[in-house]
Protein backbone atom coordinates (compact mmCIF):
# COMPACT_ATOMS: atom_id res chain seq x y z
CA UNK A 1 74.95 29.87 117.83
CA UNK A 2 76.48 29.76 114.29
CA UNK A 3 74.89 27.91 111.60
CA UNK A 4 77.75 25.39 111.87
CA UNK A 5 80.02 27.10 109.50
CA UNK A 6 84.06 26.94 110.17
CA UNK A 7 87.14 25.16 110.93
CA UNK A 8 85.54 24.66 114.67
CA UNK A 9 82.92 22.27 115.65
CA UNK A 10 83.58 20.94 119.39
CA UNK A 11 81.16 20.91 121.80
CA UNK A 12 82.29 24.12 123.85
CA UNK A 13 80.47 26.85 121.67
CA UNK A 14 82.51 29.85 123.29
CA UNK A 15 85.35 28.08 121.88
CA UNK A 16 83.71 27.36 118.18
CA UNK A 17 82.93 31.13 117.94
CA UNK A 18 86.08 32.03 119.22
CA UNK A 19 88.17 30.31 116.79
CA UNK A 20 85.32 31.05 113.70
CA UNK A 21 85.47 34.52 114.57
CA UNK A 22 89.12 34.68 114.18
CA UNK A 23 89.42 32.57 111.22
CA UNK A 24 86.80 34.27 109.49
CA UNK A 25 89.06 37.65 109.33
CA UNK A 26 90.76 38.18 106.26
CA UNK A 27 93.20 40.27 107.38
CA UNK A 28 93.59 37.84 110.35
CA UNK A 29 93.96 34.78 108.24
CA UNK A 30 96.48 37.11 106.37
CA UNK A 31 98.68 37.71 109.29
CA UNK A 32 99.11 34.05 110.56
CA UNK A 33 100.14 32.87 106.85
CA UNK A 34 102.41 36.16 106.92
CA UNK A 35 103.92 34.62 110.19
CA UNK A 36 104.52 31.60 109.33
CA UNK A 37 106.12 32.10 106.62
CA UNK A 38 108.43 34.50 107.18
CA UNK A 39 109.52 32.27 110.15
CA UNK A 40 110.35 29.27 107.93
CA UNK A 41 112.83 31.46 106.41
CA UNK A 42 116.37 30.16 106.21
CA UNK A 43 117.95 31.25 109.64
CA UNK A 44 121.66 32.25 107.10
CA UNK A 45 119.23 34.39 105.07
CA UNK A 46 116.67 35.80 107.54
CA UNK A 47 118.12 38.47 108.26
CA UNK A 48 118.04 40.29 104.77
CA UNK A 49 115.20 38.58 103.62
CA UNK A 50 113.13 40.12 106.25
CA UNK A 51 114.43 43.40 105.70
CA UNK A 52 116.01 43.99 108.59
CA UNK A 53 118.84 45.98 107.94
CA UNK A 54 116.28 48.57 105.76
CA UNK A 55 115.08 49.84 109.25
CA UNK A 56 118.56 49.98 111.05
CA UNK A 57 118.69 53.84 110.17
CA UNK A 58 114.63 54.19 111.84
CA UNK A 59 115.58 52.54 115.09
CA UNK A 60 117.02 56.30 116.67
CA UNK A 61 115.01 59.44 116.17
CA UNK A 62 117.97 60.84 114.99
CA UNK A 63 119.43 57.76 112.87
CA UNK A 64 117.74 59.41 109.74
CA UNK A 65 116.73 62.42 108.44
CA UNK A 66 113.52 61.22 107.29
CA UNK A 67 112.45 60.71 111.07
CA UNK A 68 112.65 64.03 111.60
CA UNK A 69 110.27 65.48 108.91
CA UNK A 70 107.96 62.15 109.10
CA UNK A 71 107.43 62.33 113.08
CA UNK A 72 107.25 66.26 112.92
CA UNK A 73 104.50 68.05 115.04
CA UNK A 74 102.25 69.82 112.24
CA UNK A 75 102.33 73.69 112.33
CA UNK A 76 105.30 73.77 113.74
CA UNK A 77 104.69 72.82 117.27
CA UNK A 78 107.90 71.16 117.32
CA UNK A 79 108.92 74.52 118.83
CA UNK A 80 106.72 73.79 122.31
CA UNK A 81 107.30 70.35 122.01
CA UNK A 82 110.69 69.12 121.12
CA UNK A 83 111.64 65.70 120.97
CA UNK A 84 112.65 63.85 123.65
């Protein structure tokens, strides 16, 4: 068992290990904070502030000319495996 460090101190050791492991990972804590802050935006400005209009051209493969270049296969293998 861990040295009783972390945010969880219950009698269930498995639960403590799970929560303490999750919150000891900086990317996980950053993700939780980012999701929390992202969902506290006002509804009227949420689409613009989250960058949703920027993603519109990339939703379909043919939506932007950069998609074909970015998702193409190396060594001209697109000739043999065309995109669907």
